[in-house]
Amino acid sequence: MDFCKLVLVLAFIGLSCGTETKSPCQGCKDLVDGILKGLDQTKNKNFEGGDTARLVEVLESACDKDNFRCNEIAAEREDDIETWYKTMQDSKSLQEFLCVEKAEVCCLEGKFGENCEESCPANENGDICFGNGKCEGSGDKQGSGTCVCEGAYAGDLCNECGPRHFKGFGNDTYTMCTPCANGCETCLSANDTDCLTCAAGYRVEKASEPAEKKEAEKKDAEKKEGEEGEAAAVEEEEKPLTVSCTDVNECVEQSDLCPVGEYCANTEGSYSCEPWKCSPICTRCYGPTNRHCFECIQGAIMRAPFICQDIDECASGAICLGMYEQCVNTIGHYRCECARFFRRETTTGQCQPDPAIYSRFLPNRLRRPQPAAEVKKDEEAAKEEEKATEEVAEEKAAEGEEKAEEEAKTDAAEDEETKQEL
């Protein structure tokens, strides 16, 4: 009853009596995230009511309307939030102050349990889950405290290697996992011959010698006798046998893997169903090539079951018989084309020599004469050039005559002066 009464009080923000899946700690963390986000978005805004008005606006949008836990804590802890906002922003985190100390719904990071007394698994250096995973429910009183490993790691502490990985290095505080070769589920190294078991979609190709066994050691072991020989044999038997894994082609070994309209494509360790289009030579088919045909198109023949082959109509020699024509075979049909250096006339439909190419190889006297209009233009240009040359010559002659007259006048004046002096 108390729960539903509270819901009625908060009905104006859209809450309901539905089932709440979030823990109180997670609701408090959502509130903290909403407040910090709102403060960041309003840091450059001016409010008439000062900091109090700013905080009111931030709280109004801090929680989603359907987040009951968040809205509940916001309503109950409004005074604590205001205290932190005005006096503690620079000295303590809001999550620690509000969720851990005041609301008491969360623990410090790395702790969990009703009284926050249990610790998440960690190594000697304090790295939670060996640094290879996350502690589920860390900082939450309702958390489980189990490690959720990431990537290649496994185990309660995330200090072991998961499927398709092997331990390349490890000690009390650190584990390095390296991928196995493709096809190995478990292995001793990254070499494809050092698989211990094969992954799904692969099978054992052949058994090989122990990974650490060498040919020389084998020969020496065979020569040993007595207790040393027996001890060596026991040691060899204890070494794990490695195998090589090869991909299984499901498309070949199994049938009806894909629905009608799709074909099976083998992949590494699996297969996929791919949509296909019939070969251009098929009308109906069950695969993408001319070897997957139910029926052949016109102009093709089924040479063997499900195999269509195009008929080469040009091979008969009885088509494309026009002058300078040649037959070109196409899928399901053929076409007649003009031979090289020939083109089809649009009016007659016959193949004729292409003037653009053929005229290059004709003697000069057989070349097509220049059009009359072009000849006339050339003659006019030549006449204009000749006329311009004549005008230039006349100008030069006139200049020469004027210069001669001036020289004659100058000589006559000099003679006259000489006579007067005498």
Protein backbone atom coordinates (compact mmCIF):
# COMPACT_ATOMS: atom_id res chain seq x y z
CA MET A 1 0.00 0.00 0.00
CA ASP A 2 2.74 2.44 0.94
CA PHE A 3 4.44 1.75 -2.39
CA CYS A 4 1.29 2.50 -4.42
CA LYS A 5 0.58 5.62 -2.34
CA LEU A 6 3.98 6.93 -3.24
CA VAL A 7 3.29 6.12 -6.86
CA LEU A 8 0.08 8.15 -6.74
CA VAL A 9 1.99 11.08 -5.29
CA LEU A 10 4.46 10.89 -8.15
CA ALA A 11 1.85 10.18 -10.85
CA PHE A 12 2.31 13.65 -12.29
CA ILE A 13 5.70 12.59 -13.62
CA GLY A 14 4.32 9.49 -15.30
CA LEU A 15 5.22 6.78 -12.80
CA SER A 16 3.15 3.60 -12.37
CA CYS A 17 2.85 0.57 -10.11
CA GLY A 18 4.75 -1.54 -12.60
CA THR A 19 7.56 -3.87 -11.67
CA GLU A 20 10.89 -2.10 -10.97
CA THR A 21 13.87 -4.05 -12.27
CA LYS A 22 16.66 -1.70 -11.21
CA SER A 23 18.30 -1.96 -7.81
CA PRO A 24 18.17 1.07 -5.47
CA CYS A 25 21.91 1.56 -6.00
CA GLN A 26 21.52 1.65 -9.76
CA GLY A 27 18.69 4.15 -9.42
CA CYS A 28 20.91 6.35 -7.27
CA LYS A 29 23.73 6.10 -9.81
CA ASP A 30 21.29 7.17 -12.54
CA LEU A 31 20.34 10.18 -10.42
CA VAL A 32 23.99 11.13 -9.93
CA ASP A 33 24.67 10.83 -13.66
CA GLY A 34 21.63 12.97 -14.45
CA ILE A 35 22.62 15.68 -11.96
CA LEU A 36 26.23 15.88 -13.17
CA LYS A 37 25.08 16.00 -16.79
CA GLY A 38 22.62 18.77 -16.01
CA LEU A 39 25.22 20.81 -14.15
CA ASP A 40 27.57 20.55 -17.11
CA GLN A 41 24.87 21.66 -19.55
CA THR A 42 23.87 24.69 -17.44
CA LYS A 43 27.30 25.92 -16.39
CA ASN A 44 27.23 28.85 -18.84
CA LYS A 45 23.60 29.86 -18.25
CA ASN A 46 22.42 32.75 -16.11
CA PHE A 47 19.54 32.16 -13.68
CA GLU A 48 17.51 34.93 -12.08
CA GLY A 49 17.15 32.91 -8.89
CA GLY A 50 20.88 32.13 -8.68
CA ASP A 51 22.27 28.70 -7.82
CA THR A 52 19.03 27.52 -6.25
CA ALA A 53 17.11 28.07 -9.49
CA ARG A 54 19.83 26.28 -11.41
CA LEU A 55 19.65 23.24 -9.10
CA VAL A 56 15.86 23.12 -9.38
CA GLU A 57 16.08 23.03 -13.18
CA VAL A 58 18.74 20.31 -13.06
CA LEU A 59 16.68 18.11 -10.72
CA GLU A 60 13.60 18.41 -12.91
CA SER A 61 15.32 16.56 -15.76
CA ALA A 62 17.80 14.39 -13.82
CA CYS A 63 15.65 11.21 -13.93
CA ASP A 64 13.64 9.58 -16.67
CA LYS A 65 9.95 9.53 -15.89
CA ASP A 66 9.81 5.72 -15.83
CA ASN A 67 12.86 5.36 -13.53
CA PHE A 68 11.10 4.88 -10.19
CA ARG A 69 14.24 4.31 -8.08
CA CYS A 70 15.87 7.48 -9.38
CA ASN A 71 12.82 9.68 -8.78
CA GLU A 72 12.27 8.17 -5.34
CA ILE A 73 15.78 9.01 -4.13
CA ALA A 74 15.61 12.47 -5.73
CA ALA A 75 12.45 13.25 -3.77
CA GLU A 76 13.73 11.84 -0.48
CA ARG A 77 17.25 13.30 -0.64
CA GLU A 78 16.66 16.76 -2.05
CA ASP A 79 18.17 18.46 1.04
CA ASP A 80 21.30 16.25 0.88
CA ILE A 81 21.73 17.05 -2.81
CA GLU A 82 21.45 20.79 -2.06
CA THR A 83 24.03 20.47 0.74
CA TRP A 84 26.51 18.77 -1.58
CA TYR A 85 25.81 21.30 -4.35
CA LYS A 86 26.50 24.31 -2.13
CA THR A 87 29.37 23.11 0.07
CA MET A 88 30.96 19.85 -1.14
CA GLN A 89 31.31 19.88 -4.94
CA ASP A 90 35.09 20.24 -4.79
CA SER A 91 35.75 17.94 -1.82
CA LYS A 92 33.68 14.77 -2.31
CA SER A 93 32.07 12.91 -5.18
CA LEU A 94 28.29 13.07 -5.33
CA GLN A 95 27.96 9.29 -5.68
CA GLU A 96 29.94 8.58 -2.53
CA PHE A 97 28.17 11.30 -0.51
CA LEU A 98 24.61 10.63 -1.71
CA CYS A 99 24.46 6.91 -2.56
CA VAL A 100 26.92 5.48 -0.03
CA GLU A 101 26.75 7.79 2.99
CA LYS A 102 23.26 9.30 2.95
CA ALA A 103 20.91 7.00 1.03
CA GLU A 104 23.00 3.96 2.04
CA VAL A 105 21.98 1.98 -1.04
CA CYS A 106 25.48 1.54 -2.50
CA CYS A 107 28.92 0.41 -1.39
CA LEU A 108 32.33 1.72 -2.33
CA GLU A 109 33.73 0.33 -5.55
CA GLY A 110 35.10 -3.17 -5.09
CA LYS A 111 32.68 -3.95 -2.26
CA PHE A 112 29.26 -5.58 -2.32
CA GLY A 113 26.76 -7.33 -0.03
CA GLU A 114 24.10 -6.18 2.39
CA ASN A 115 26.64 -4.63 4.77
CA CYS A 116 29.27 -3.87 2.11
CA GLU A 117 31.66 -6.27 3.82
CA GLU A 118 32.41 -8.59 0.89
CA SER A 119 35.12 -7.76 -1.66
CA CYS A 120 35.32 -8.48 -5.37
CA PRO A 121 37.89 -11.16 -6.35
CA ALA A 122 41.33 -9.65 -6.96
CA ASN A 123 44.97 -10.67 -7.30
CA GLU A 124 47.83 -9.80 -4.94
CA ASN A 125 48.18 -6.38 -6.58
CA GLY A 126 44.53 -5.59 -5.96
CA ASP A 127 43.52 -5.84 -9.61
CA ILE A 128 39.86 -6.87 -9.61
CA CYS A 129 39.31 -10.00 -11.71
CA PHE A 130 43.02 -9.91 -12.58
CA GLY A 131 42.31 -6.85 -14.71
CA ASN A 132 40.69 -9.11 -17.32
CA GLY A 133 37.04 -8.60 -16.43
CA LYS A 134 34.50 -6.75 -14.33
CA CYS A 135 33.04 -7.56 -10.94
CA GLU A 136 29.29 -7.91 -11.39
CA GLY A 137 27.48 -5.65 -8.92
CA SER A 138 30.63 -3.96 -7.64
CA GLY A 139 29.57 -1.13 -5.34
CA ASP A 140 26.01 -2.46 -5.12
CA LYS A 141 24.49 -4.00 -1.98
CA GLN A 142 22.52 -6.35 -4.22
CA GLY A 143 25.53 -7.26 -6.38
CA SER A 144 26.74 -10.85 -6.82
CA GLY A 145 30.46 -10.06 -6.84
CA THR A 146 31.27 -12.61 -9.57
CA CYS A 147 33.79 -11.89 -12.30
CA VAL A 148 32.49 -11.40 -15.82
CA CYS A 149 35.54 -12.10 -17.99
CA GLU A 150 36.35 -10.23 -21.16
CA GLY A 151 37.68 -11.50 -24.47
CA ALA A 152 40.02 -14.46 -24.25
CA TYR A 153 39.85 -14.95 -20.48
CA ALA A 154 37.84 -17.33 -18.29
CA GLY A 155 37.66 -18.76 -14.75
CA ASP A 156 36.39 -17.44 -11.43
CA LEU A 157 39.21 -14.88 -11.32
CA CYS A 158 39.56 -14.37 -15.09
CA ASN A 159 43.10 -15.72 -14.82
CA GLU A 160 42.55 -18.66 -17.15
CA CYS A 161 42.33 -18.84 -20.92
CA GLY A 162 38.99 -19.33 -22.64
CA PRO A 163 38.15 -21.44 -25.71
CA ARG A 164 40.51 -21.16 -28.69
CA HIS A 165 43.25 -19.52 -26.59
CA PHE A 166 46.31 -20.80 -24.75
CA LYS A 167 48.35 -19.37 -21.90
CA GLY A 168 51.40 -17.67 -23.38
CA PHE A 169 52.58 -16.41 -20.00
CA GLY A 170 51.25 -16.42 -16.46
CA ASN A 171 52.15 -15.84 -12.81
CA ASP A 172 50.36 -14.98 -9.57
CA THR A 173 49.33 -11.52 -10.77
CA TYR A 174 49.24 -11.68 -14.57
CA THR A 175 47.99 -13.98 -17.33
CA MET A 176 48.53 -13.51 -21.06
CA CYS A 177 46.26 -15.52 -23.39
CA THR A 178 47.11 -15.93 -27.08
CA PRO A 179 44.76 -17.15 -29.84
CA CYS A 180 45.15 -20.72 -31.06
CA ALA A 181 45.53 -21.52 -34.74
CA ASN A 182 42.36 -21.45 -36.79
CA GLY A 183 40.36 -24.62 -36.14
CA CYS A 184 41.69 -25.40 -32.64
CA GLU A 185 39.35 -25.41 -29.66
CA THR A 186 42.20 -26.03 -27.19
CA CYS A 187 45.89 -25.96 -28.04
CA LEU A 188 49.46 -25.79 -26.78
CA SER A 189 50.66 -23.02 -29.10
CA ALA A 190 49.68 -20.91 -32.09
CA ASN A 191 51.01 -23.60 -34.45
CA ASP A 192 48.25 -25.34 -36.41
CA THR A 193 49.78 -28.73 -35.60
CA ASP A 194 49.56 -28.13 -31.83
CA CYS A 195 45.80 -28.47 -31.41
CA LEU A 196 44.59 -30.59 -28.51
CA THR A 197 40.94 -30.61 -29.62
CA CYS A 198 39.23 -29.31 -32.74
CA ALA A 199 36.63 -26.57 -32.76
CA ALA A 200 33.09 -27.07 -34.06
CA GLY A 201 33.11 -27.31 -37.84
CA TYR A 202 36.57 -28.93 -37.90
CA ARG A 203 37.77 -32.51 -37.62
CA VAL A 204 41.05 -34.18 -36.75
CA GLU A 205 43.16 -34.44 -39.87
CA LYS A 206 45.91 -36.60 -38.45
CA ALA A 207 47.61 -37.28 -35.15
CA SER A 208 51.09 -35.86 -34.82
CA GLU A 209 53.93 -36.39 -32.39
CA PRO A 210 53.89 -34.70 -28.97
CA ALA A 211 54.51 -30.99 -29.28
CA GLU A 212 57.82 -31.13 -27.35
CA LYS A 213 59.06 -34.33 -28.90
CA LYS A 214 61.95 -34.26 -31.33
CA GLU A 215 63.21 -36.93 -33.65
CA ALA A 216 66.56 -37.13 -31.94
CA GLU A 217 64.94 -37.66 -28.56
CA LYS A 218 62.81 -40.42 -30.03
CA LYS A 219 65.85 -42.31 -31.29
CA ASP A 220 67.63 -41.89 -27.96
CA ALA A 221 64.57 -43.16 -26.05
CA GLU A 222 64.43 -46.30 -28.19
CA LYS A 223 68.06 -47.11 -27.34
CA LYS A 224 67.62 -46.75 -23.60
CA GLU A 225 67.14 -49.89 -21.55
CA GLY A 226 66.26 -50.79 -17.99
CA GLU A 227 64.93 -48.25 -15.56
CA GLU A 228 66.03 -45.23 -17.58
CA GLY A 229 64.22 -46.53 -20.64
CA GLU A 230 61.04 -47.26 -18.69
CA ALA A 231 61.09 -43.81 -17.05
CA ALA A 232 61.55 -42.14 -20.44
CA ALA A 233 58.63 -44.14 -21.86
CA VAL A 234 56.35 -43.11 -18.99
CA GLU A 235 57.33 -39.47 -19.46
CA GLU A 236 56.55 -39.64 -23.18
CA GLU A 237 53.16 -41.21 -22.48
CA GLU A 238 52.26 -38.34 -20.14
CA LYS A 239 52.87 -35.71 -22.81
CA PRO A 240 49.64 -34.59 -24.52
CA LEU A 241 49.20 -35.73 -28.10
CA THR A 242 48.52 -32.90 -30.54
CA VAL A 243 46.45 -33.00 -33.70
CA SER A 244 45.92 -30.98 -36.85
CA CYS A 245 42.38 -29.79 -37.56
CA THR A 246 40.87 -29.42 -41.01
CA ASP A 247 37.68 -27.67 -42.02
CA VAL A 248 34.55 -29.76 -42.59
CA ASN A 249 32.83 -28.95 -45.89
CA GLU A 250 29.22 -29.16 -44.75
CA CYS A 251 27.98 -28.29 -48.24
CA VAL A 252 29.46 -31.51 -49.63
CA GLU A 253 28.87 -33.85 -46.71
CA GLN A 254 25.29 -32.77 -45.93
CA SER A 255 22.24 -32.07 -48.07
CA ASP A 256 19.22 -29.79 -47.81
CA LEU A 257 21.10 -27.28 -45.65
CA CYS A 258 19.66 -24.28 -47.48
CA PRO A 259 16.13 -23.47 -48.64
CA VAL A 260 15.08 -23.29 -52.28
CA GLY A 261 16.48 -20.18 -53.92
CA GLU A 262 19.75 -20.26 -52.00
CA TYR A 263 22.94 -22.27 -52.36
CA CYS A 264 25.34 -23.54 -49.72
CA ALA A 265 28.72 -21.77 -49.49
CA ASN A 266 31.35 -23.38 -47.29
CA THR A 267 33.19 -21.14 -44.82
CA GLU A 268 35.93 -21.73 -42.25
CA GLY A 269 34.30 -23.85 -39.55
CA SER A 270 30.78 -23.40 -40.87
CA TYR A 271 28.73 -22.61 -43.97
CA SER A 272 26.34 -19.95 -45.20
CA CYS A 273 23.26 -19.92 -47.41
CA GLU A 274 23.70 -17.38 -50.19
CA PRO A 275 21.03 -16.09 -52.57
CA TRP A 276 21.91 -16.92 -56.16
CA LYS A 277 21.05 -15.91 -59.70
CA CYS A 278 20.86 -18.43 -62.49
CA SER A 279 23.57 -18.51 -65.11
CA PRO A 280 22.53 -16.51 -68.21
CA ILE A 281 22.34 -19.81 -70.06
CA CYS A 282 19.71 -21.31 -67.68
CA THR A 283 15.99 -20.58 -67.38
CA ARG A 284 15.57 -22.61 -64.16
CA CYS A 285 18.39 -23.71 -61.90
CA TYR A 286 19.50 -24.76 -58.42
CA GLY A 287 22.87 -22.99 -58.39
CA PRO A 288 24.76 -20.06 -59.90
CA THR A 289 26.67 -21.73 -62.79
CA ASN A 290 25.78 -23.44 -66.05
CA ARG A 291 26.31 -26.77 -64.26
CA HIS A 292 23.25 -26.22 -62.05
CA CYS A 293 20.53 -25.91 -64.70
CA PHE A 294 17.11 -27.52 -64.81
CA GLU A 295 16.34 -25.98 -68.23
CA CYS A 296 18.42 -24.23 -70.90
CA ILE A 297 17.54 -21.04 -72.73
CA GLN A 298 16.76 -21.06 -76.47
CA GLY A 299 20.04 -21.28 -78.33
CA ALA A 300 21.62 -23.60 -75.73
CA ILE A 301 21.59 -27.37 -75.32
CA MET A 302 21.87 -29.65 -72.28
CA ARG A 303 25.06 -31.63 -72.97
CA ALA A 304 24.88 -33.60 -69.71
CA PRO A 305 22.45 -33.74 -66.80
CA PHE A 306 22.03 -30.20 -65.44
CA ILE A 307 24.84 -28.83 -67.69
CA CYS A 308 23.84 -26.31 -70.36
CA GLN A 309 26.16 -25.36 -73.23
CA ASP A 310 25.69 -22.54 -75.71
CA ILE A 311 25.20 -23.45 -79.38
CA ASP A 312 27.72 -21.70 -81.63
CA GLU A 313 25.55 -20.69 -84.57
CA CYS A 314 28.53 -19.14 -86.33
CA ALA A 315 30.23 -22.53 -86.61
CA SER A 316 27.80 -23.59 -89.35
CA GLY A 317 29.09 -20.92 -91.74
CA ALA A 318 25.60 -20.49 -93.17
CA ILE A 319 24.77 -17.11 -91.66
CA CYS A 320 26.06 -13.54 -92.03
CA LEU A 321 26.78 -14.09 -95.73
CA GLY A 322 26.70 -10.43 -96.78
CA MET A 323 29.73 -8.78 -98.37
CA TYR A 324 32.37 -7.94 -95.73
CA GLU A 325 30.18 -9.41 -92.93
CA GLN A 326 31.34 -11.64 -90.09
CA CYS A 327 29.40 -13.69 -87.50
CA VAL A 328 29.85 -13.05 -83.78
CA ASN A 329 28.49 -15.71 -81.38
CA THR A 330 26.59 -14.58 -78.25
CA ILE A 331 24.94 -16.47 -75.38
CA GLY A 332 21.87 -18.08 -76.89
CA HIS A 333 22.13 -16.21 -80.17
CA TYR A 334 24.51 -14.47 -82.63
CA ARG A 335 24.93 -11.14 -84.44
CA CYS A 336 26.29 -10.06 -87.82
CA GLU A 337 28.92 -7.34 -87.80
CA CYS A 338 30.96 -5.63 -90.49
CA ALA A 339 34.58 -6.70 -90.81
CA ARG A 340 37.40 -4.52 -89.60
CA PHE A 341 37.77 -1.18 -91.44
CA PHE A 342 34.19 -1.48 -92.70
CA ARG A 343 30.95 0.02 -91.48
CA ARG A 344 27.30 -0.56 -92.25
CA GLU A 345 25.59 2.05 -94.42
CA THR A 346 22.37 3.27 -92.85
CA THR A 347 20.57 3.55 -96.19
CA THR A 348 21.48 0.23 -97.83
CA GLY A 349 22.35 -1.84 -94.77
CA GLN A 350 25.47 -3.11 -96.57
CA CYS A 351 29.03 -3.12 -95.23
CA GLN A 352 31.19 -0.54 -97.00
CA PRO A 353 34.77 0.62 -96.47
CA ASP A 354 34.97 3.14 -93.66
CA PRO A 355 36.10 6.44 -95.26
CA ALA A 356 37.67 7.64 -92.02
CA ILE A 357 40.12 4.72 -92.14
CA TYR A 358 40.18 3.51 -95.73
CA SER A 359 41.05 6.91 -97.25
CA ARG A 360 44.34 6.99 -95.33
CA PHE A 361 45.69 4.15 -97.44
CA LEU A 362 44.66 5.54 -100.89
CA PRO A 363 47.22 7.14 -103.30
CA ASN A 364 47.08 10.92 -103.42
CA ARG A 365 45.46 10.98 -106.87
CA LEU A 366 42.62 8.82 -105.64
CA ARG A 367 41.89 10.89 -102.60
CA ARG A 368 38.62 12.75 -102.59
CA PRO A 369 39.06 16.30 -104.02
CA GLN A 370 38.83 19.23 -101.70
CA PRO A 371 35.36 20.84 -101.61
CA ALA A 372 34.94 23.93 -103.85
CA ALA A 373 34.06 26.15 -100.92
CA GLU A 374 37.31 25.32 -99.17
CA VAL A 375 39.28 25.87 -102.39
CA LYS A 376 37.68 29.27 -102.80
CA LYS A 377 38.58 30.22 -99.23
CA ASP A 378 42.18 29.18 -99.80
CA GLU A 379 42.39 31.27 -103.01
CA GLU A 380 40.96 34.33 -101.28
CA ALA A 381 43.43 33.95 -98.44
CA ALA A 382 46.31 33.66 -100.92
CA LYS A 383 45.17 36.81 -102.77
CA GLU A 384 44.92 38.78 -99.56
CA GLU A 385 48.38 37.69 -98.56
CA GLU A 386 49.78 38.66 -101.97
CA LYS A 387 48.06 42.03 -101.78
CA ALA A 388 49.48 42.69 -98.35
CA THR A 389 52.97 41.84 -99.61
CA GLU A 390 52.62 44.28 -102.52
CA GLU A 391 51.48 47.06 -100.18
CA VAL A 392 54.48 46.55 -97.97
CA ALA A 393 56.79 46.67 -101.00
CA GLU A 394 55.22 49.91 -102.24
CA GLU A 395 55.59 51.52 -98.84
CA LYS A 396 59.26 50.59 -98.73
CA ALA A 397 59.81 52.00 -102.28
CA ALA A 398 58.14 55.29 -101.36
CA GLU A 399 60.27 55.59 -98.26
CA GLY A 400 63.40 55.00 -100.41
CA GLU A 401 62.43 57.73 -102.89
CA GLU A 402 61.82 60.27 -100.13
CA LYS A 403 65.16 59.46 -98.57
CA ALA A 404 66.95 59.89 -101.95
CA GLU A 405 65.31 63.27 -102.51
CA GLU A 406 66.40 64.49 -99.09
CA GLU A 407 69.99 63.35 -99.74
CA ALA A 408 69.98 65.14 -103.11
CA LYS A 409 68.79 68.38 -101.55
CA THR A 410 71.46 68.09 -98.89
CA ASP A 411 74.23 67.62 -101.51
CA ALA A 412 72.98 70.60 -103.55
CA ALA A 413 73.04 72.85 -100.49
CA GLU A 414 76.59 71.81 -99.64
CA ASP A 415 77.75 72.59 -103.22
CA GLU A 416 76.17 76.00 -103.09
CA GLU A 417 77.95 76.88 -99.86
CA THR A 418 81.26 75.75 -101.30
CA LYS A 419 80.86 78.04 -104.36
CA GLN A 420 80.09 81.05 -102.19
CA GLU A 421 83.22 80.52 -100.11
CA LEU A 422 85.33 80.52 -103.25
